[in-house]
């Protein structure tokens, strides 16, 4: 017994001696990561705190103070009831859903043509679409604004949703691209197609061309092969890309602000600008509205987080 106890004591000491020492580099790394997390979370925590205070309390005691009457949800109630939150959510859906669908269809078609067929300009076309990602949107805003003001668009009536007291024109209600949902959808499709084409083409390169050639031998046309053969094989890539596109288009602030003058038509992110007055701005209400606007992307990420994470590395590896 004594020998066994002594052996156990020696083994315990050996384990303690062999325990790796904490390296200063690892401590510095963890300290850096914790600092970055705190810096990233501070604006969100500050927005939540600001949204739970009344404007009168903030104006009286300043932002760096605890509210005298405690925290309240009055700003959220005001934003939902008076700022017409459901209307701006619907505006956003009218822009985001068609934008994601059209972008995926166009990008997948271009990627299919450039990766599954060998022709003279396939690499050139792919480079042109990819180069669109390098163009800053602000560079073309003046000619684009002029084009939107002078491009005629037909009017085909309106779609009314009586249950929500909401309606939107089919194409245009002023015969122009300017101040129309279709104009915002088109600009998102144009600027997101390059990125989507680049990513989907890398994924489609992993699909052997023999599949396309076999379908052609069986008598299927090109569009049939794209729709019935290639797209089902690209379902994981399309799901990941759709998640990323939804996030990109939903979070856009710039285009609707510039190309829409009607505040009632703007998506929810741009509609927050409507809360800013000429002589008075309720920052507490804006903070509450910004947090409510964050809810849909957060829900989409929670439901589709696997596709979102996969989208970050989509096309970077084969197989």
C-alpha atoms as a PDB file:
ATOM      1  CA  UNK A   1       0.000   0.000   0.000  1.00  0.00           C
ATOM      2  CA  UNK A   2       2.782   2.393   0.957  1.00  0.00           C
ATOM      3  CA  UNK A   3       4.581   1.631  -2.320  1.00  0.00           C
ATOM      4  CA  UNK A   4       1.425   2.269  -4.335  1.00  0.00           C
ATOM      5  CA  UNK A   5       0.816   5.544  -2.523  1.00  0.00           C
ATOM      6  CA  UNK A   6       4.364   6.661  -3.134  1.00  0.00           C
ATOM      7  CA  UNK A   7       4.099   5.746  -6.814  1.00  0.00           C
ATOM      8  CA  UNK A   8       0.830   7.718  -7.130  1.00  0.00           C
ATOM      9  CA  UNK A   9       2.480  10.720  -5.452  1.00  0.00           C
ATOM     10  CA  UNK A  10       5.421  10.552  -7.856  1.00  0.00           C
ATOM     11  CA  UNK A  11       3.113  10.244 -10.895  1.00  0.00           C
ATOM     12  CA  UNK A  12       1.049  13.208  -9.699  1.00  0.00           C
ATOM     13  CA  UNK A  13       4.216  15.262  -9.375  1.00  0.00           C
ATOM     14  CA  UNK A  14       5.282  14.207 -12.876  1.00  0.00           C
ATOM     15  CA  UNK A  15       1.928  15.329 -14.245  1.00  0.00           C
ATOM     16  CA  UNK A  16       2.289  18.652 -12.503  1.00  0.00           C
ATOM     17  CA  UNK A  17       5.807  19.072 -13.797  1.00  0.00           C
ATOM     18  CA  UNK A  18       4.830  18.145 -17.372  1.00  0.00           C
ATOM     19  CA  UNK A  19       1.929  20.611 -17.434  1.00  0.00           C
ATOM     20  CA  UNK A  20       2.762  23.117 -20.187  1.00  0.00           C
ATOM     21  CA  UNK A  21       3.563  26.625 -19.099  1.00  0.00           C
ATOM     22  CA  UNK A  22       1.369  29.474 -20.237  1.00  0.00           C
ATOM     23  CA  UNK A  23       3.337  31.346 -22.871  1.00  0.00           C
ATOM     24  CA  UNK A  24       3.317  35.166 -22.861  1.00  0.00           C
ATOM     25  CA  UNK A  25       2.400  35.132 -26.557  1.00  0.00           C
ATOM     26  CA  UNK A  26      -0.776  33.143 -25.823  1.00  0.00           C
ATOM     27  CA  UNK A  27      -1.705  35.500 -22.984  1.00  0.00           C
ATOM     28  CA  UNK A  28      -1.173  38.467 -25.296  1.00  0.00           C
ATOM     29  CA  UNK A  29      -3.294  36.798 -28.003  1.00  0.00           C
ATOM     30  CA  UNK A  30      -6.206  36.174 -25.635  1.00  0.00           C
ATOM     31  CA  UNK A  31      -5.946  39.706 -24.263  1.00  0.00           C
ATOM     32  CA  UNK A  32      -6.038  41.074 -27.803  1.00  0.00           C
ATOM     33  CA  UNK A  33      -9.072  38.945 -28.733  1.00  0.00           C
ATOM     34  CA  UNK A  34     -10.958  39.939 -25.589  1.00  0.00           C
ATOM     35  CA  UNK A  35     -10.182  43.600 -26.290  1.00  0.00           C
ATOM     36  CA  UNK A  36     -11.422  43.302 -29.881  1.00  0.00           C
ATOM     37  CA  UNK A  37     -14.635  41.610 -28.732  1.00  0.00           C
ATOM     38  CA  UNK A  38     -15.219  44.366 -26.166  1.00  0.00           C
ATOM     39  CA  UNK A  39     -14.597  47.073 -28.784  1.00  0.00           C
ATOM     40  CA  UNK A  40     -16.994  45.367 -31.217  1.00  0.00           C
ATOM     41  CA  UNK A  41     -19.729  44.856 -28.598  1.00  0.00           C
ATOM     42  CA  UNK A  42     -19.500  48.332 -27.060  1.00  0.00           C
ATOM     43  CA  UNK A  43     -21.436  50.178 -29.836  1.00  0.00           C
ATOM     44  CA  UNK A  44     -24.198  47.550 -29.708  1.00  0.00           C
ATOM     45  CA  UNK A  45     -24.431  47.735 -25.922  1.00  0.00           C
ATOM     46  CA  UNK A  46     -24.423  51.531 -26.100  1.00  0.00           C
ATOM     47  CA  UNK A  47     -27.203  51.523 -28.701  1.00  0.00           C
ATOM     48  CA  UNK A  48     -29.296  49.195 -26.526  1.00  0.00           C
ATOM     49  CA  UNK A  49     -28.746  51.402 -23.482  1.00  0.00           C
ATOM     50  CA  UNK A  50     -29.579  54.564 -25.446  1.00  0.00           C
ATOM     51  CA  UNK A  51     -32.720  53.018 -26.910  1.00  0.00           C
ATOM     52  CA  UNK A  52     -34.006  52.221 -23.403  1.00  0.00           C
ATOM     53  CA  UNK A  53     -33.869  55.880 -22.319  1.00  0.00           C
ATOM     54  CA  UNK A  54     -36.219  58.727 -23.107  1.00  0.00           C
ATOM     55  CA  UNK A  55     -34.947  61.707 -25.041  1.00  0.00           C
ATOM     56  CA  UNK A  56     -35.938  64.060 -22.240  1.00  0.00           C
ATOM     57  CA  UNK A  57     -33.855  62.154 -19.695  1.00  0.00           C
ATOM     58  CA  UNK A  58     -30.859  62.087 -22.038  1.00  0.00           C
ATOM     59  CA  UNK A  59     -31.148  65.821 -22.779  1.00  0.00           C
ATOM     60  CA  UNK A  60     -31.401  66.606 -19.059  1.00  0.00           C
ATOM     61  CA  UNK A  61     -28.692  64.358 -17.647  1.00  0.00           C
ATOM     62  CA  UNK A  62     -26.507  63.611 -20.669  1.00  0.00           C
ATOM     63  CA  UNK A  63     -25.744  60.318 -22.371  1.00  0.00           C
ATOM     64  CA  UNK A  64     -23.223  59.163 -19.758  1.00  0.00           C
ATOM     65  CA  UNK A  65     -25.658  58.830 -16.871  1.00  0.00           C
ATOM     66  CA  UNK A  66     -28.167  56.375 -15.491  1.00  0.00           C
ATOM     67  CA  UNK A  67     -31.779  57.300 -16.319  1.00  0.00           C
ATOM     68  CA  UNK A  68     -33.540  58.889 -13.366  1.00  0.00           C
ATOM     69  CA  UNK A  69     -36.830  57.120 -14.123  1.00  0.00           C
ATOM     70  CA  UNK A  70     -35.249  53.789 -15.059  1.00  0.00           C
ATOM     71  CA  UNK A  71     -35.155  52.011 -18.394  1.00  0.00           C
ATOM     72  CA  UNK A  72     -38.218  52.016 -20.645  1.00  0.00           C
ATOM     73  CA  UNK A  73     -39.450  50.531 -23.932  1.00  0.00           C
ATOM     74  CA  UNK A  74     -41.244  53.718 -25.008  1.00  0.00           C
ATOM     75  CA  UNK A  75     -38.887  54.284 -27.959  1.00  0.00           C
ATOM     76  CA  UNK A  76     -39.636  50.832 -29.360  1.00  0.00           C
ATOM     77  CA  UNK A  77     -43.369  51.394 -28.961  1.00  0.00           C
ATOM     78  CA  UNK A  78     -43.103  54.769 -30.680  1.00  0.00           C
ATOM     79  CA  UNK A  79     -41.086  53.392 -33.577  1.00  0.00           C
ATOM     80  CA  UNK A  80     -43.475  50.480 -34.173  1.00  0.00           C
ATOM     81  CA  UNK A  81     -46.664  52.564 -33.986  1.00  0.00           C
ATOM     82  CA  UNK A  82     -45.691  55.991 -35.342  1.00  0.00           C
ATOM     83  CA  UNK A  83     -42.798  55.158 -37.665  1.00  0.00           C
ATOM     84  CA  UNK A  84     -44.812  52.550 -39.617  1.00  0.00           C
ATOM     85  CA  UNK A  85     -42.381  49.701 -39.039  1.00  0.00           C
ATOM     86  CA  UNK A  86     -44.417  47.056 -40.957  1.00  0.00           C
ATOM     87  CA  UNK A  87     -44.479  49.323 -44.031  1.00  0.00           C
ATOM     88  CA  UNK A  88     -40.688  49.579 -44.168  1.00  0.00           C
ATOM     89  CA  UNK A  89     -40.268  45.855 -43.592  1.00  0.00           C
ATOM     90  CA  UNK A  90     -42.509  45.252 -46.624  1.00  0.00           C
ATOM     91  CA  UNK A  91     -40.534  47.807 -48.644  1.00  0.00           C
ATOM     92  CA  UNK A  92     -37.394  45.880 -47.782  1.00  0.00           C
ATOM     93  CA  UNK A  93     -38.883  42.542 -48.805  1.00  0.00           C
ATOM     94  CA  UNK A  94     -40.021  44.000 -52.147  1.00  0.00           C
ATOM     95  CA  UNK A  95     -36.389  44.927 -52.848  1.00  0.00           C
ATOM     96  CA  UNK A  96     -34.473  42.068 -51.211  1.00  0.00           C
ATOM     97  CA  UNK A  97     -36.393  38.996 -52.399  1.00  0.00           C
ATOM     98  CA  UNK A  98     -36.421  39.819 -56.154  1.00  0.00           C
ATOM     99  CA  UNK A  99     -32.868  41.130 -55.886  1.00  0.00           C
ATOM    100  CA  UNK A 100     -31.588  37.842 -54.448  1.00  0.00           C
ATOM    101  CA  UNK A 101     -33.556  35.693 -56.932  1.00  0.00           C
ATOM    102  CA  UNK A 102     -32.548  37.639 -60.055  1.00  0.00           C
ATOM    103  CA  UNK A 103     -28.918  37.850 -58.958  1.00  0.00           C
ATOM    104  CA  UNK A 104     -28.689  34.096 -58.377  1.00  0.00           C
ATOM    105  CA  UNK A 105     -30.353  33.299 -61.695  1.00  0.00           C
ATOM    106  CA  UNK A 106     -28.143  35.635 -63.727  1.00  0.00           C
ATOM    107  CA  UNK A 107     -24.921  34.775 -61.903  1.00  0.00           C
ATOM    108  CA  UNK A 108     -25.510  31.025 -62.087  1.00  0.00           C
ATOM    109  CA  UNK A 109     -26.297  31.264 -65.820  1.00  0.00           C
ATOM    110  CA  UNK A 110     -23.102  33.209 -66.540  1.00  0.00           C
ATOM    111  CA  UNK A 111     -21.017  30.901 -64.340  1.00  0.00           C
ATOM    112  CA  UNK A 112     -22.561  27.874 -66.088  1.00  0.00           C
ATOM    113  CA  UNK A 113     -21.676  29.192 -69.521  1.00  0.00           C
ATOM    114  CA  UNK A 114     -18.124  30.113 -68.534  1.00  0.00           C
ATOM    115  CA  UNK A 115     -17.246  26.884 -66.715  1.00  0.00           C
ATOM    116  CA  UNK A 116     -19.145  24.101 -68.510  1.00  0.00           C
ATOM    117  CA  UNK A 117     -18.395  25.140 -72.097  1.00  0.00           C
ATOM    118  CA  UNK A 118     -15.148  25.940 -73.877  1.00  0.00           C
ATOM    119  CA  UNK A 119     -15.478  28.962 -76.117  1.00  0.00           C
ATOM    120  CA  UNK A 120     -13.247  31.812 -77.171  1.00  0.00           C
ATOM    121  CA  UNK A 121     -14.357  34.521 -74.754  1.00  0.00           C
ATOM    122  CA  UNK A 122     -15.427  32.546 -71.673  1.00  0.00           C
ATOM    123  CA  UNK A 123     -12.458  33.717 -69.607  1.00  0.00           C
ATOM    124  CA  UNK A 124     -12.893  37.299 -70.823  1.00  0.00           C
ATOM    125  CA  UNK A 125     -16.572  37.352 -69.873  1.00  0.00           C
ATOM    126  CA  UNK A 126     -15.789  35.912 -66.458  1.00  0.00           C
ATOM    127  CA  UNK A 127     -13.088  38.552 -65.912  1.00  0.00           C
ATOM    128  CA  UNK A 128     -15.481  41.346 -66.917  1.00  0.00           C
ATOM    129  CA  UNK A 129     -18.096  40.208 -64.422  1.00  0.00           C
ATOM    130  CA  UNK A 130     -15.463  39.735 -61.723  1.00  0.00           C
ATOM    131  CA  UNK A 131     -13.937  43.162 -62.417  1.00  0.00           C
ATOM    132  CA  UNK A 132     -17.286  44.724 -61.540  1.00  0.00           C
ATOM    133  CA  UNK A 133     -16.491  44.026 -57.891  1.00  0.00           C
ATOM    134  CA  UNK A 134     -13.551  46.436 -58.121  1.00  0.00           C
ATOM    135  CA  UNK A 135     -15.672  49.422 -59.185  1.00  0.00           C
ATOM    136  CA  UNK A 136     -16.640  51.706 -56.288  1.00  0.00           C
ATOM    137  CA  UNK A 137     -20.359  52.515 -56.562  1.00  0.00           C
ATOM    138  CA  UNK A 138     -19.804  56.171 -55.731  1.00  0.00           C
ATOM    139  CA  UNK A 139     -17.762  56.650 -58.909  1.00  0.00           C
ATOM    140  CA  UNK A 140     -20.784  56.290 -61.208  1.00  0.00           C
ATOM    141  CA  UNK A 141     -23.445  57.898 -59.038  1.00  0.00           C
ATOM    142  CA  UNK A 142     -23.728  61.093 -61.138  1.00  0.00           C
ATOM    143  CA  UNK A 143     -24.215  59.434 -64.569  1.00  0.00           C
ATOM    144  CA  UNK A 144     -26.365  56.757 -62.926  1.00  0.00           C
ATOM    145  CA  UNK A 145     -28.575  59.384 -61.309  1.00  0.00           C
ATOM    146  CA  UNK A 146     -28.962  61.115 -64.674  1.00  0.00           C
ATOM    147  CA  UNK A 147     -29.809  57.810 -66.362  1.00  0.00           C
ATOM    148  CA  UNK A 148     -32.457  57.021 -63.758  1.00  0.00           C
ATOM    149  CA  UNK A 149     -34.083  60.418 -64.326  1.00  0.00           C
ATOM    150  CA  UNK A 150     -34.284  59.906 -68.105  1.00  0.00           C
ATOM    151  CA  UNK A 151     -34.948  56.180 -68.538  1.00  0.00           C
ATOM    152  CA  UNK A 152     -38.611  55.503 -69.434  1.00  0.00           C
ATOM    153  CA  UNK A 153     -40.262  52.536 -67.732  1.00  0.00           C
ATOM    154  CA  UNK A 154     -43.828  51.379 -68.497  1.00  0.00           C
ATOM    155  CA  UNK A 155     -46.605  51.278 -65.921  1.00  0.00           C
ATOM    156  CA  UNK A 156     -48.569  48.026 -65.635  1.00  0.00           C
ATOM    157  CA  UNK A 157     -50.745  48.773 -62.633  1.00  0.00           C
ATOM    158  CA  UNK A 158     -50.255  48.092 -58.944  1.00  0.00           C
ATOM    159  CA  UNK A 159     -50.329  45.162 -56.548  1.00  0.00           C
ATOM    160  CA  UNK A 160     -52.438  45.871 -53.479  1.00  0.00           C
ATOM    161  CA  UNK A 161     -52.106  44.037 -50.173  1.00  0.00           C
ATOM    162  CA  UNK A 162     -55.241  45.187 -48.411  1.00  0.00           C
ATOM    163  CA  UNK A 163     -54.546  43.261 -45.218  1.00  0.00           C
ATOM    164  CA  UNK A 164     -51.476  45.402 -44.574  1.00  0.00           C
ATOM    165  CA  UNK A 165     -52.656  48.540 -46.387  1.00  0.00           C
ATOM    166  CA  UNK A 166     -49.698  48.278 -48.740  1.00  0.00           C
ATOM    167  CA  UNK A 167     -49.361  48.589 -52.512  1.00  0.00           C
ATOM    168  CA  UNK A 168     -46.515  48.872 -54.977  1.00  0.00           C
ATOM    169  CA  UNK A 169     -46.388  49.595 -58.682  1.00  0.00           C
ATOM    170  CA  UNK A 170     -45.482  46.968 -61.251  1.00  0.00           C
ATOM    171  CA  UNK A 171     -42.300  48.437 -62.725  1.00  0.00           C
ATOM    172  CA  UNK A 172     -43.002  52.180 -62.351  1.00  0.00           C
ATOM    173  CA  UNK A 173     -45.762  54.558 -61.317  1.00  0.00           C
ATOM    174  CA  UNK A 174     -44.002  57.655 -62.727  1.00  0.00           C
ATOM    175  CA  UNK A 175     -42.730  56.063 -65.991  1.00  0.00           C
ATOM    176  CA  UNK A 176     -39.112  56.441 -64.769  1.00  0.00           C
ATOM    177  CA  UNK A 177     -36.539  54.307 -62.986  1.00  0.00           C
ATOM    178  CA  UNK A 178     -36.010  57.016 -60.391  1.00  0.00           C
ATOM    179  CA  UNK A 179     -37.921  56.652 -57.125  1.00  0.00           C
ATOM    180  CA  UNK A 180     -39.040  53.104 -57.966  1.00  0.00           C
ATOM    181  CA  UNK A 181     -38.538  49.682 -56.407  1.00  0.00           C
ATOM    182  CA  UNK A 182     -37.459  48.263 -59.768  1.00  0.00           C
ATOM    183  CA  UNK A 183     -34.629  50.799 -59.929  1.00  0.00           C
ATOM    184  CA  UNK A 184     -33.226  49.734 -56.556  1.00  0.00           C
ATOM    185  CA  UNK A 185     -33.609  46.060 -57.455  1.00  0.00           C
ATOM    186  CA  UNK A 186     -31.728  46.542 -60.735  1.00  0.00           C
ATOM    187  CA  UNK A 187     -28.804  48.363 -59.152  1.00  0.00           C
ATOM    188  CA  UNK A 188     -28.403  45.635 -56.546  1.00  0.00           C
ATOM    189  CA  UNK A 189     -28.540  42.942 -59.225  1.00  0.00           C
ATOM    190  CA  UNK A 190     -25.886  44.757 -61.259  1.00  0.00           C
ATOM    191  CA  UNK A 191     -23.449  45.242 -58.390  1.00  0.00           C
ATOM    192  CA  UNK A 192     -23.973  41.858 -56.723  1.00  0.00           C
ATOM    193  CA  UNK A 193     -23.874  39.717 -59.875  1.00  0.00           C
ATOM    194  CA  UNK A 194     -20.108  40.071 -60.266  1.00  0.00           C
ATOM    195  CA  UNK A 195     -19.370  38.709 -56.810  1.00  0.00           C
ATOM    196  CA  UNK A 196     -21.968  35.948 -57.135  1.00  0.00           C
ATOM    197  CA  UNK A 197     -20.635  34.943 -60.574  1.00  0.00           C
ATOM    198  CA  UNK A 198     -17.082  34.737 -59.255  1.00  0.00           C
ATOM    199  CA  UNK A 199     -18.088  32.547 -56.324  1.00  0.00           C
ATOM    200  CA  UNK A 200     -20.475  30.274 -58.219  1.00  0.00           C
ATOM    201  CA  UNK A 201     -18.027  29.799 -61.096  1.00  0.00           C
ATOM    202  CA  UNK A 202     -15.406  28.511 -58.664  1.00  0.00           C
ATOM    203  CA  UNK A 203     -17.962  26.052 -57.321  1.00  0.00           C
ATOM    204  CA  UNK A 204     -19.122  24.946 -60.781  1.00  0.00           C
ATOM    205  CA  UNK A 205     -15.538  24.226 -61.799  1.00  0.00           C
ATOM    206  CA  UNK A 206     -15.715  21.255 -59.443  1.00  0.00           C
ATOM    207  CA  UNK A 207     -18.594  19.799 -61.524  1.00  0.00           C
ATOM    208  CA  UNK A 208     -17.211  17.615 -64.295  1.00  0.00           C
ATOM    209  CA  UNK A 209     -18.030  18.675 -67.839  1.00  0.00           C
ATOM    210  CA  UNK A 210     -18.944  15.106 -68.741  1.00  0.00           C
ATOM    211  CA  UNK A 211     -22.306  15.659 -67.042  1.00  0.00           C
ATOM    212  CA  UNK A 212     -23.125  18.544 -69.393  1.00  0.00           C
ATOM    213  CA  UNK A 213     -21.811  16.658 -72.410  1.00  0.00           C
ATOM    214  CA  UNK A 214     -23.926  13.599 -71.558  1.00  0.00           C
ATOM    215  CA  UNK A 215     -27.038  15.756 -71.233  1.00  0.00           C
ATOM    216  CA  UNK A 216     -26.334  17.318 -74.636  1.00  0.00           C
ATOM    217  CA  UNK A 217     -25.975  13.872 -76.184  1.00  0.00           C
ATOM    218  CA  UNK A 218     -29.336  12.897 -74.676  1.00  0.00           C
ATOM    219  CA  UNK A 219     -30.939  15.832 -76.476  1.00  0.00           C
ATOM    220  CA  UNK A 220     -31.307  18.389 -73.676  1.00  0.00           C
ATOM    221  CA  UNK A 221     -30.846  22.038 -74.649  1.00  0.00           C
ATOM    222  CA  UNK A 222     -28.510  24.394 -72.807  1.00  0.00           C
ATOM    223  CA  UNK A 223     -31.176  26.060 -70.651  1.00  0.00           C
ATOM    224  CA  UNK A 224     -32.613  22.676 -69.713  1.00  0.00           C
ATOM    225  CA  UNK A 225     -29.190  21.466 -68.591  1.00  0.00           C
ATOM    226  CA  UNK A 226     -28.650  24.633 -66.554  1.00  0.00           C
ATOM    227  CA  UNK A 227     -32.041  24.447 -64.861  1.00  0.00           C
ATOM    228  CA  UNK A 228     -32.495  20.698 -64.367  1.00  0.00           C
ATOM    229  CA  UNK A 229     -28.936  19.404 -64.030  1.00  0.00           C
ATOM    230  CA  UNK A 230     -26.476  22.046 -62.868  1.00  0.00           C
ATOM    231  CA  UNK A 231     -28.629  24.089 -60.475  1.00  0.00           C
ATOM    232  CA  UNK A 232     -29.664  21.060 -58.386  1.00  0.00           C
ATOM    233  CA  UNK A 233     -25.987  20.129 -58.057  1.00  0.00           C
ATOM    234  CA  UNK A 234     -25.226  23.677 -56.910  1.00  0.00           C
ATOM    235  CA  UNK A 235     -27.929  23.753 -54.237  1.00  0.00           C
ATOM    236  CA  UNK A 236     -25.484  24.118 -51.283  1.00  0.00           C
ATOM    237  CA  UNK A 237     -23.640  26.909 -53.091  1.00  0.00           C
ATOM    238  CA  UNK A 238     -26.882  28.678 -54.011  1.00  0.00           C
ATOM    239  CA  UNK A 239     -28.160  28.474 -50.421  1.00  0.00           C
ATOM    240  CA  UNK A 240     -24.933  29.924 -49.064  1.00  0.00           C
ATOM    241  CA  UNK A 241     -24.878  32.641 -51.724  1.00  0.00           C
ATOM    242  CA  UNK A 242     -28.524  33.526 -51.089  1.00  0.00           C
ATOM    243  CA  UNK A 243     -27.774  34.014 -47.397  1.00  0.00           C
ATOM    244  CA  UNK A 244     -24.890  36.354 -48.164  1.00  0.00           C
ATOM    245  CA  UNK A 245     -26.854  38.288 -50.789  1.00  0.00           C
ATOM    246  CA  UNK A 246     -29.785  38.749 -48.425  1.00  0.00           C
ATOM    247  CA  UNK A 247     -27.422  40.239 -45.848  1.00  0.00           C
ATOM    248  CA  UNK A 248     -25.670  42.499 -48.374  1.00  0.00           C
ATOM    249  CA  UNK A 249     -28.851  43.879 -49.962  1.00  0.00           C
ATOM    250  CA  UNK A 250     -30.777  44.212 -46.705  1.00  0.00           C
ATOM    251  CA  UNK A 251     -27.992  46.210 -45.064  1.00  0.00           C
ATOM    252  CA  UNK A 252     -27.579  48.615 -47.982  1.00  0.00           C
ATOM    253  CA  UNK A 253     -28.091  52.256 -47.056  1.00  0.00           C
ATOM    254  CA  UNK A 254     -26.600  54.152 -49.973  1.00  0.00           C
ATOM    255  CA  UNK A 255     -28.638  53.306 -53.085  1.00  0.00           C
ATOM    256  CA  UNK A 256     -32.144  53.822 -51.734  1.00  0.00           C
ATOM    257  CA  UNK A 257     -31.053  57.075 -50.122  1.00  0.00           C
ATOM    258  CA  UNK A 258     -29.788  58.453 -53.436  1.00  0.00           C
ATOM    259  CA  UNK A 259     -32.202  56.908 -55.941  1.00  0.00           C
ATOM    260  CA  UNK A 260     -35.452  57.239 -53.961  1.00  0.00           C
ATOM    261  CA  UNK A 261     -37.029  60.509 -52.928  1.00  0.00           C
ATOM    262  CA  UNK A 262     -40.253  59.114 -51.445  1.00  0.00           C
ATOM    263  CA  UNK A 263     -39.629  58.295 -47.806  1.00  0.00           C
ATOM    264  CA  UNK A 264     -42.586  55.900 -47.729  1.00  0.00           C
ATOM    265  CA  UNK A 265     -40.934  53.685 -50.370  1.00  0.00           C
ATOM    266  CA  UNK A 266     -37.524  53.315 -48.788  1.00  0.00           C
ATOM    267  CA  UNK A 267     -36.250  50.092 -47.190  1.00  0.00           C
ATOM    268  CA  UNK A 268     -36.022  50.033 -43.431  1.00  0.00           C
ATOM    269  CA  UNK A 269     -32.285  50.720 -43.206  1.00  0.00           C
ATOM    270  CA  UNK A 270     -32.567  53.851 -45.343  1.00  0.00           C
ATOM    271  CA  UNK A 271     -35.885  54.819 -43.740  1.00  0.00           C
ATOM    272  CA  UNK A 272     -34.033  55.458 -40.484  1.00  0.00           C
ATOM    273  CA  UNK A 273     -32.817  58.632 -42.165  1.00  0.00           C
ATOM    274  CA  UNK A 274     -36.442  59.850 -42.125  1.00  0.00           C
ATOM    275  CA  UNK A 275     -36.225  60.108 -38.336  1.00  0.00           C
ATOM    276  CA  UNK A 276     -33.622  62.841 -38.608  1.00  0.00           C
ATOM    277  CA  UNK A 277     -35.227  66.260 -38.586  1.00  0.00           C
ATOM    278  CA  UNK A 278     -33.849  69.588 -39.755  1.00  0.00           C
ATOM    279  CA  UNK A 279     -33.728  71.131 -36.274  1.00  0.00           C
ATOM    280  CA  UNK A 280     -34.269  68.157 -33.970  1.00  0.00           C
ATOM    281  CA  UNK A 281     -33.129  64.530 -33.953  1.00  0.00           C
ATOM    282  CA  UNK A 282     -34.230  61.965 -31.394  1.00  0.00           C
ATOM    283  CA  UNK A 283     -31.158  59.745 -31.229  1.00  0.00           C
ATOM    284  CA  UNK A 284     -32.835  57.475 -28.684  1.00  0.00           C
ATOM    285  CA  UNK A 285     -35.615  56.713 -31.172  1.00  0.00           C
ATOM    286  CA  UNK A 286     -33.081  56.156 -33.969  1.00  0.00           C
ATOM    287  CA  UNK A 287     -31.182  53.698 -31.755  1.00  0.00           C
ATOM    288  CA  UNK A 288     -34.384  51.748 -31.118  1.00  0.00           C
ATOM    289  CA  UNK A 289     -35.200  51.734 -34.839  1.00  0.00           C
ATOM    290  CA  UNK A 290     -31.702  50.565 -35.768  1.00  0.00           C
ATOM    291  CA  UNK A 291     -31.943  47.653 -33.333  1.00  0.00           C
ATOM    292  CA  UNK A 292     -35.361  46.651 -34.681  1.00  0.00           C
ATOM    293  CA  UNK A 293     -33.970  46.833 -38.207  1.00  0.00           C
ATOM    294  CA  UNK A 294     -31.275  44.333 -37.209  1.00  0.00           C
ATOM    295  CA  UNK A 295     -33.790  41.622 -36.307  1.00  0.00           C
ATOM    296  CA  UNK A 296     -34.394  40.054 -39.788  1.00  0.00           C
ATOM    297  CA  UNK A 297     -30.684  39.563 -40.663  1.00  0.00           C
ATOM    298  CA  UNK A 298     -30.085  38.077 -37.212  1.00  0.00           C
ATOM    299  CA  UNK A 299     -32.985  35.653 -37.672  1.00  0.00           C
ATOM    300  CA  UNK A 300     -31.752  34.710 -41.143  1.00  0.00           C
ATOM    301  CA  UNK A 301     -28.277  34.069 -39.734  1.00  0.00           C
ATOM    302  CA  UNK A 302     -29.634  31.931 -36.886  1.00  0.00           C
ATOM    303  CA  UNK A 303     -31.759  29.845 -39.247  1.00  0.00           C
ATOM    304  CA  UNK A 304     -29.134  29.556 -41.990  1.00  0.00           C
ATOM    305  CA  UNK A 305     -25.871  29.888 -40.090  1.00  0.00           C
ATOM    306  CA  UNK A 306     -24.396  26.765 -41.693  1.00  0.00           C
ATOM    307  CA  UNK A 307     -24.971  28.229 -45.150  1.00  0.00           C
ATOM    308  CA  UNK A 308     -23.651  31.614 -43.986  1.00  0.00           C
ATOM    309  CA  UNK A 309     -20.402  30.141 -42.674  1.00  0.00           C
ATOM    310  CA  UNK A 310     -20.085  28.003 -45.799  1.00  0.00           C
ATOM    311  CA  UNK A 311     -20.573  31.119 -47.906  1.00  0.00           C
ATOM    312  CA  UNK A 312     -17.517  32.740 -46.352  1.00  0.00           C
ATOM    313  CA  UNK A 313     -15.299  30.055 -47.912  1.00  0.00           C
ATOM    314  CA  UNK A 314     -17.491  29.194 -50.890  1.00  0.00           C
ATOM    315  CA  UNK A 315     -15.403  28.245 -53.910  1.00  0.00           C
ATOM    316  CA  UNK A 316     -12.106  28.405 -52.016  1.00  0.00           C
ATOM    317  CA  UNK A 317     -11.725  24.616 -51.932  1.00  0.00           C
ATOM    318  CA  UNK A 318     -12.628  21.751 -54.205  1.00  0.00           C
ATOM    319  CA  UNK A 319     -14.835  18.910 -53.105  1.00  0.00           C
END
